[in-house]
């Protein structure tokens, strides 16, 4: 479909076809508050696809899904999936409402794949972002879920997975969602399961995770207030305004080392948006992020250092534990910050140990030479 705004509601009606927009920024489907913007309700399979659109202004219509005396409920303000397994990619889902799943509802033995999707500013009574219900299974890759809200008491999370359902999340960012009550951001109930990898769960209210008779496995992810799992960290992800990662983010190159490499060939990052290393660094940090680090910030400019030059921080044994390429994806060279990784207890030394002093080297790219730095003054745990 060509770029433009289309005021309509799409129901696939069992047709396994792909509907492709020219560009998700400029090709918009406005649901006009009439019903769900897009509906898959008739056994559509993975060849039924939608891509390249912004879906907005949907308002799901209440139906009698469960028999009386259960109340009528509405499902999926942006996308309503029932007994179907479509492919959803390169979509923005903004400003939609429903009782279950303000953004997306997945119901009744459905198995969709969702990738490269943005779910922002949706509202619901229960599960503002994605609802996964009744023996359904969702695979979610490279998805941003932010600033959604559920206002009913115990609003069931921005992602709610219930009744023998499952959720797989990879390389996604879930942040700044507001769920009323005492549940959580991701809620699993009634024998449901979730596996989360290379993702960020940060600054969601009232808490990041809530389990009820269910199980979750989280690895190589940044979880506010922490969560047990291999490679997990609890550190401010240092977002840009669009939830991409600043150069000082501890989530860069800290994802699962067994995952596919990022597009720039570096180790996987945590979160929906990989950080692009634009040039090969002289101080090429090869340590795997341990989750323990000291943030080093140079507040003001350093004489003779220019764009393309580098700063490296070293242990007393000469191990490179952190570094920065000046000017990489930044308009200003200073302040310049980066993590100096700490050592995990036991095994091979892979960072600083308690009580060890930092030392620094500069790399002058124009001269292709290293400069040993002396007389660094430390203030309040940082460097200046």
Protein backbone atom coordinates (compact mmCIF):
# COMPACT_ATOMS: atom_id res chain seq x y z
CA UNK A 1 0.00 0.00 0.00
CA UNK A 2 1.20 3.49 -0.83
CA UNK A 3 2.04 6.01 1.85
CA UNK A 4 -0.98 7.81 3.30
CA UNK A 5 -3.55 7.60 6.07
CA UNK A 6 -6.30 5.00 5.64
CA UNK A 7 -9.32 5.17 7.96
CA UNK A 8 -10.44 1.55 8.11
CA UNK A 9 -10.31 -1.75 9.98
CA UNK A 10 -8.73 -4.81 8.40
CA UNK A 11 -10.07 -8.35 8.98
CA UNK A 12 -8.11 -11.11 7.22
CA UNK A 13 -11.19 -13.40 7.27
CA UNK A 14 -9.10 -16.57 6.90
CA UNK A 15 -7.04 -15.31 3.97
CA UNK A 16 -3.32 -16.13 4.15
CA UNK A 17 -2.07 -13.00 2.42
CA UNK A 18 0.59 -10.39 3.19
CA UNK A 19 -0.43 -6.74 3.52
CA UNK A 20 2.66 -4.54 3.12
CA UNK A 21 2.82 -0.78 3.62
CA UNK A 22 5.31 1.48 1.89
CA UNK A 23 6.82 2.72 5.17
CA UNK A 24 5.62 2.44 8.75
CA UNK A 25 6.32 6.12 9.38
CA UNK A 26 4.18 7.31 6.47
CA UNK A 27 1.64 4.50 5.90
CA UNK A 28 -0.99 4.75 8.63
CA UNK A 29 -4.14 2.75 9.34
CA UNK A 30 -6.51 4.69 11.60
CA UNK A 31 -9.07 2.44 13.32
CA UNK A 32 -11.37 5.42 13.94
CA UNK A 33 -12.27 4.06 17.41
CA UNK A 34 -14.59 1.61 15.65
CA UNK A 35 -12.97 -1.74 16.55
CA UNK A 36 -9.56 -3.44 16.49
CA UNK A 37 -7.41 -1.99 13.72
CA UNK A 38 -6.36 -5.45 12.44
CA UNK A 39 -8.04 -8.80 13.15
CA UNK A 40 -6.86 -12.40 12.61
CA UNK A 41 -9.71 -14.65 13.77
CA UNK A 42 -10.10 -17.48 11.29
CA UNK A 43 -7.12 -19.81 11.51
CA UNK A 44 -4.68 -17.69 9.51
CA UNK A 45 -1.15 -19.15 9.49
CA UNK A 46 2.35 -17.64 9.35
CA UNK A 47 1.94 -16.66 5.68
CA UNK A 48 -0.74 -14.18 6.79
CA UNK A 49 1.44 -11.14 7.43
CA UNK A 50 1.32 -7.42 8.04
CA UNK A 51 4.32 -5.12 7.75
CA UNK A 52 5.21 -1.48 7.14
CA UNK A 53 2.36 0.35 8.92
CA UNK A 54 1.48 2.47 11.91
CA UNK A 55 -1.72 1.15 13.52
CA UNK A 56 -3.52 3.67 15.68
CA UNK A 57 -6.83 4.73 17.19
CA UNK A 58 -8.24 1.22 17.53
CA UNK A 59 -10.90 0.52 20.16
CA UNK A 60 -11.69 -3.18 20.49
CA UNK A 61 -15.34 -4.20 20.67
CA UNK A 62 -16.44 -6.32 23.65
CA UNK A 63 -17.46 -9.90 22.84
CA UNK A 64 -18.79 -12.87 24.82
CA UNK A 65 -15.61 -14.96 24.54
CA UNK A 66 -16.33 -17.02 27.66
CA UNK A 67 -19.87 -18.31 28.31
CA UNK A 68 -22.30 -16.44 30.52
CA UNK A 69 -22.09 -15.53 33.41
CA UNK A 70 -18.56 -14.40 32.49
CA UNK A 71 -18.67 -10.73 31.41
CA UNK A 72 -18.10 -9.52 27.87
CA UNK A 73 -14.55 -8.35 27.23
CA UNK A 74 -12.68 -6.65 24.40
CA UNK A 75 -9.40 -7.93 22.99
CA UNK A 76 -6.57 -6.32 21.05
CA UNK A 77 -7.03 -2.64 20.31
CA UNK A 78 -4.26 -2.58 17.73
CA UNK A 79 -4.14 -6.23 16.63
CA UNK A 80 -6.61 -8.94 17.70
CA UNK A 81 -5.38 -12.52 17.16
CA UNK A 82 -7.60 -15.53 17.94
CA UNK A 83 -6.89 -19.14 16.88
CA UNK A 84 -4.36 -17.81 14.35
CA UNK A 85 -0.58 -17.57 13.91
CA UNK A 86 0.26 -14.56 11.72
CA UNK A 87 3.63 -12.87 11.14
CA UNK A 88 3.81 -9.26 12.36
CA UNK A 89 6.87 -7.15 11.54
CA UNK A 90 8.01 -3.55 11.08
CA UNK A 91 4.86 -2.14 12.71
CA UNK A 92 4.16 0.75 15.10
CA UNK A 93 1.15 0.26 17.39
CA UNK A 94 0.18 3.55 19.02
CA UNK A 95 -2.78 4.91 20.96
CA UNK A 96 -5.14 1.91 20.96
CA UNK A 97 -7.45 0.59 23.69
CA UNK A 98 -8.97 -2.72 24.80
CA UNK A 99 -9.82 -4.58 27.98
CA UNK A 100 -7.14 -7.23 27.25
CA UNK A 101 -4.14 -6.19 25.16
CA UNK A 102 -4.28 -2.49 24.37
CA UNK A 103 -1.61 -3.11 21.75
CA UNK A 104 -1.98 -6.80 20.83
CA UNK A 105 -4.17 -9.65 22.11
CA UNK A 106 -3.13 -13.26 21.38
CA UNK A 107 -5.79 -15.79 22.29
CA UNK A 108 -6.94 -19.39 22.04
CA UNK A 109 -4.06 -21.56 20.70
CA UNK A 110 -2.49 -18.76 18.67
CA UNK A 111 1.24 -18.74 17.82
CA UNK A 112 2.28 -15.44 16.19
CA UNK A 113 5.80 -14.18 15.51
CA UNK A 114 6.32 -10.51 16.30
CA UNK A 115 9.50 -8.67 15.29
CA UNK A 116 10.74 -5.10 14.83
CA UNK A 117 7.59 -3.67 16.39
CA UNK A 118 7.05 -0.54 18.50
CA UNK A 119 4.18 -0.60 21.02
CA UNK A 120 3.75 2.84 22.61
CA UNK A 121 0.99 4.79 24.32
CA UNK A 122 -1.69 2.09 24.41
CA UNK A 123 -4.20 1.67 27.24
CA UNK A 124 -6.17 -1.20 28.73
CA UNK A 125 -7.86 -2.46 31.85
CA UNK A 126 -5.65 -5.56 31.73
CA UNK A 127 -2.32 -5.84 29.85
CA UNK A 128 -1.69 -2.59 28.01
CA UNK A 129 0.97 -3.93 25.66
CA UNK A 130 0.48 -7.61 24.82
CA UNK A 131 -1.97 -10.16 26.26
CA UNK A 132 -1.17 -13.86 25.66
CA UNK A 133 -4.08 -16.05 26.72
CA UNK A 134 -5.37 -19.62 26.72
CA UNK A 135 -2.70 -21.99 25.40
CA UNK A 136 -1.11 -19.39 23.15
CA UNK A 137 2.60 -18.89 22.43
CA UNK A 138 4.26 -15.67 21.29
CA UNK A 139 7.78 -15.10 19.96
CA UNK A 140 8.83 -11.46 20.36
CA UNK A 141 12.08 -10.21 18.80
CA UNK A 142 13.52 -6.67 18.63
CA UNK A 143 10.42 -5.03 20.10
CA UNK A 144 10.13 -1.74 22.02
CA UNK A 145 7.26 -1.56 24.53
CA UNK A 146 7.14 1.82 26.30
CA UNK A 147 4.77 4.29 27.94
CA UNK A 148 1.71 2.03 27.95
CA UNK A 149 -0.72 2.03 30.88
CA UNK A 150 -3.32 -0.17 32.57
CA UNK A 151 -5.62 1.61 35.00
CA UNK A 152 -7.79 -1.17 36.45
CA UNK A 153 -6.91 -2.54 39.89
CA UNK A 154 -4.11 -5.09 39.41
CA UNK A 155 -3.82 -4.23 35.73
CA UNK A 156 -2.04 -7.51 34.86
CA UNK A 157 1.15 -6.01 33.44
CA UNK A 158 2.20 -4.51 30.16
CA UNK A 159 2.73 -8.12 29.03
CA UNK A 160 0.29 -10.60 30.53
CA UNK A 161 0.70 -14.33 29.88
CA UNK A 162 -2.05 -16.56 31.26
CA UNK A 163 -3.39 -20.10 31.35
CA UNK A 164 -0.78 -22.50 29.95
CA UNK A 165 0.64 -19.90 27.57
CA UNK A 166 4.28 -19.08 26.79
CA UNK A 167 6.36 -16.08 25.87
CA UNK A 168 9.82 -15.85 24.28
CA UNK A 169 11.47 -12.42 24.24
CA UNK A 170 14.79 -11.66 22.53
CA UNK A 171 16.61 -8.33 22.12
CA UNK A 172 13.71 -6.21 23.30
CA UNK A 173 13.27 -3.13 25.47
CA UNK A 174 10.38 -2.80 27.91
CA UNK A 175 10.46 0.48 29.80
CA UNK A 176 8.48 3.27 31.46
CA UNK A 177 5.16 1.44 31.46
CA UNK A 178 2.70 2.18 34.26
CA UNK A 179 0.50 -0.59 35.61
CA UNK A 180 -1.92 0.26 38.40
CA UNK A 181 -2.02 -2.05 41.40
CA UNK A 182 0.55 -4.44 42.85
CA UNK A 183 1.21 -6.86 39.98
CA UNK A 184 4.08 -6.04 37.63
CA UNK A 185 5.39 -5.21 34.20
CA UNK A 186 5.59 -8.80 32.95
CA UNK A 187 2.97 -10.99 34.64
CA UNK A 188 2.77 -14.77 34.25
CA UNK A 189 -0.19 -16.69 35.68
CA UNK A 190 -1.82 -20.12 35.66
CA UNK A 191 1.03 -22.40 34.57
CA UNK A 192 2.57 -20.10 32.00
CA UNK A 193 6.27 -19.76 31.10
CA UNK A 194 8.60 -17.14 29.70
CA UNK A 195 12.18 -17.03 28.41
CA UNK A 196 13.84 -13.62 28.11
CA UNK A 197 17.29 -13.02 26.63
CA UNK A 198 19.36 -9.97 25.62
CA UNK A 199 16.64 -7.59 26.79
CA UNK A 200 16.11 -4.56 29.01
CA UNK A 201 13.34 -4.26 31.63
CA UNK A 202 13.76 -0.86 33.23
CA UNK A 203 11.80 1.70 35.19
CA UNK A 204 8.38 0.07 34.92
CA UNK A 205 5.77 0.44 37.66
CA UNK A 206 5.00 -1.11 40.06
CA UNK A 207 7.76 -3.73 39.50
CA UNK A 208 9.44 -5.55 36.65
CA UNK A 209 8.18 -9.13 37.10
CA UNK A 210 5.28 -10.84 38.89
CA UNK A 211 4.73 -14.61 38.91
CA UNK A 212 1.69 -16.64 39.94
CA UNK A 213 2.04 -20.42 39.58
CA UNK A 214 4.35 -19.85 36.62
CA UNK A 215 8.04 -19.87 35.67
CA UNK A 216 10.42 -17.42 34.01
CA UNK A 217 14.03 -17.72 32.84
CA UNK A 218 15.99 -14.52 32.21
CA UNK A 219 19.56 -14.33 30.91
CA UNK A 220 21.95 -11.65 29.67
CA UNK A 221 19.43 -8.92 30.38
CA UNK A 222 19.37 -5.62 32.27
CA UNK A 223 16.67 -5.82 34.96
CA UNK A 224 16.02 -2.93 37.33
CA UNK A 225 16.54 -4.11 40.92
CA UNK A 226 18.13 -7.26 39.52
CA UNK A 227 16.99 -10.80 38.70
CA UNK A 228 18.77 -14.13 39.07
CA UNK A 229 20.11 -15.48 35.79
CA UNK A 230 23.29 -15.94 33.81
CA UNK A 231 24.77 -12.67 32.53
CA UNK A 232 22.06 -10.43 34.04
CA UNK A 233 22.95 -6.93 35.23
CA UNK A 234 21.21 -4.19 37.20
CA UNK A 235 22.52 -0.91 35.76
CA UNK A 236 21.01 2.21 34.23
CA UNK A 237 20.87 1.37 30.50
CA UNK A 238 21.67 4.99 29.57
CA UNK A 239 19.00 5.42 26.89
CA UNK A 240 18.82 8.13 24.28
CA UNK A 241 15.40 9.77 23.85
CA UNK A 242 14.39 7.06 21.34
CA UNK A 243 15.52 4.24 23.68
CA UNK A 244 18.61 3.47 21.64
CA UNK A 245 21.80 3.11 23.69
CA UNK A 246 24.22 5.90 24.49
CA UNK A 247 27.88 5.12 23.99
CA UNK A 248 28.31 4.85 27.78
CA UNK A 249 25.60 2.18 28.15
CA UNK A 250 26.63 -0.96 30.07
CA UNK A 251 24.23 -2.90 27.79
CA UNK A 252 26.57 -2.55 24.79
CA UNK A 253 28.37 -5.83 23.94
CA UNK A 254 26.88 -7.41 27.10
CA UNK A 255 24.36 -9.78 25.50
CA UNK A 256 24.60 -13.54 25.24
CA UNK A 257 27.97 -14.44 23.68
CA UNK A 258 26.29 -17.41 22.00
CA UNK A 259 23.74 -15.14 20.25
CA UNK A 260 24.12 -13.96 16.68
CA UNK A 261 26.46 -11.00 16.31
CA UNK A 262 25.06 -7.49 15.97
CA UNK A 263 24.88 -6.04 12.43
CA UNK A 264 28.27 -4.35 12.91
CA UNK A 265 29.89 -7.70 13.73
CA UNK A 266 30.26 -7.02 17.45
CA UNK A 267 28.92 -9.09 20.34
CA UNK A 268 25.15 -8.84 20.85
CA UNK A 269 23.87 -5.91 22.89
CA UNK A 270 20.96 -5.92 25.30
CA UNK A 271 17.78 -4.20 24.13
CA UNK A 272 15.79 -3.57 20.97
CA UNK A 273 18.31 -1.31 19.23
CA UNK A 274 21.88 -2.50 18.67
CA UNK A 275 24.64 0.05 19.09
CA UNK A 276 26.70 0.50 15.94
CA UNK A 277 30.45 0.66 16.38
CA UNK A 278 31.33 2.87 13.45
CA UNK A 279 35.08 2.26 13.38
CA UNK A 280 37.50 -0.42 14.53
CA UNK A 281 38.92 0.79 17.83
CA UNK A 282 42.60 0.66 18.76
CA UNK A 283 41.59 -0.08 22.35
CA UNK A 284 39.34 -2.98 21.45
CA UNK A 285 37.74 -4.24 24.68
CA UNK A 286 37.26 -8.01 24.43
CA UNK A 287 36.07 -8.66 28.00
CA UNK A 288 32.61 -10.09 28.38
CA UNK A 289 30.50 -7.69 30.46
CA UNK A 290 30.40 -9.04 34.01
CA UNK A 291 27.64 -6.79 35.34
CA UNK A 292 30.15 -5.18 37.74
CA UNK A 293 31.59 -1.90 36.57
CA UNK A 294 32.74 1.61 37.47
CA UNK A 295 31.45 4.37 35.20
CA UNK A 296 34.34 6.61 34.10
CA UNK A 297 33.39 10.12 32.96
CA UNK A 298 35.75 12.74 31.58
CA UNK A 299 33.72 15.89 32.09
CA UNK A 300 35.88 18.35 30.14
CA UNK A 301 38.06 18.28 27.06
CA UNK A 302 41.57 16.86 27.09
CA UNK A 303 44.39 18.67 25.32
CA UNK A 304 45.38 17.22 21.96
CA UNK A 305 42.55 14.67 21.86
CA UNK A 306 40.18 14.98 18.92
CA UNK A 307 37.50 13.00 17.11
CA UNK A 308 38.78 9.54 16.32
CA UNK A 309 41.19 9.47 19.27
CA UNK A 310 40.62 7.04 22.13
CA UNK A 311 40.84 6.62 25.89
CA UNK A 312 41.59 3.23 27.45
CA UNK A 313 41.52 2.19 31.11
CA UNK A 314 43.79 -0.61 32.34
CA UNK A 315 44.27 -2.81 35.41
CA UNK A 316 47.66 -2.83 37.18
CA UNK A 317 48.43 -6.03 35.26
CA UNK A 318 47.86 -4.20 31.96
CA UNK A 319 44.46 -5.72 31.13
CA UNK A 320 42.27 -3.41 29.03
CA UNK A 321 39.01 -3.16 31.01
CA UNK A 322 37.21 -0.37 29.16
CA UNK A 323 37.59 2.26 26.48
CA UNK A 324 35.93 4.84 24.28
CA UNK A 325 36.37 6.07 20.72
CA UNK A 326 35.80 9.82 20.87
CA UNK A 327 33.07 11.14 18.61
CA UNK A 328 31.43 7.78 17.92
CA UNK A 329 27.72 8.56 17.42
CA UNK A 330 28.08 11.76 19.49
CA UNK A 331 27.77 15.42 18.47
CA UNK A 332 30.13 16.53 21.25
CA UNK A 333 33.36 14.81 22.30
CA UNK A 334 32.98 15.67 25.99
CA UNK A 335 31.74 14.74 28.47
CA UNK A 336 32.93 11.25 27.53
CA UNK A 337 31.94 8.24 29.60
CA UNK A 338 32.38 4.47 29.48
CA UNK A 339 32.30 1.48 31.86
CA UNK A 340 35.45 -0.02 33.35
CA UNK A 341 34.51 -3.65 33.91
CA UNK A 342 35.06 -5.33 37.27
CA UNK A 343 36.26 -8.86 37.83
CA UNK A 344 33.92 -11.71 38.69
CA UNK A 345 35.05 -13.69 41.70
CA UNK A 346 36.99 -16.83 40.86
CA UNK A 347 38.39 -18.11 37.61
CA UNK A 348 40.30 -16.08 35.04
CA UNK A 349 40.82 -12.41 35.81
CA UNK A 350 38.38 -10.48 33.61
CA UNK A 351 38.42 -6.94 35.01
CA UNK A 352 39.38 -4.79 37.98
CA UNK A 353 39.56 -6.29 41.44
CA UNK A 354 38.73 -4.50 44.69
CA UNK A 355 41.38 -1.97 45.68
CA UNK A 356 43.16 -1.87 42.34
CA UNK A 357 44.05 1.50 40.84
CA UNK A 358 43.06 2.63 37.36
CA UNK A 359 45.62 3.63 34.77
CA UNK A 360 44.87 5.31 31.47
CA UNK A 361 46.30 5.48 27.99
CA UNK A 362 45.28 7.78 25.17
CA UNK A 363 45.46 6.83 21.50
CA UNK A 364 46.34 9.62 19.10
CA UNK A 365 44.91 8.43 15.79
CA UNK A 366 46.71 11.07 13.71
CA UNK A 367 50.12 10.04 15.09
CA UNK A 368 49.14 6.38 15.53
CA UNK A 369 50.73 6.33 18.96
CA UNK A 370 49.76 5.50 22.54
CA UNK A 371 50.24 8.05 25.33
CA UNK A 372 50.64 6.87 28.90
CA UNK A 373 48.64 9.20 31.19
CA UNK A 374 50.02 10.47 34.49
CA UNK A 375 48.54 12.50 37.35
CA UNK A 376 44.83 11.84 36.82
CA UNK A 377 42.79 13.47 39.61
CA UNK A 378 39.67 11.59 40.79
CA UNK A 379 36.57 13.36 42.11
CA UNK A 380 33.53 11.60 43.65
CA UNK A 381 34.37 8.29 42.08
CA UNK A 382 34.83 9.72 38.58
CA UNK A 383 37.79 11.11 36.71
CA UNK A 384 38.43 14.64 35.60
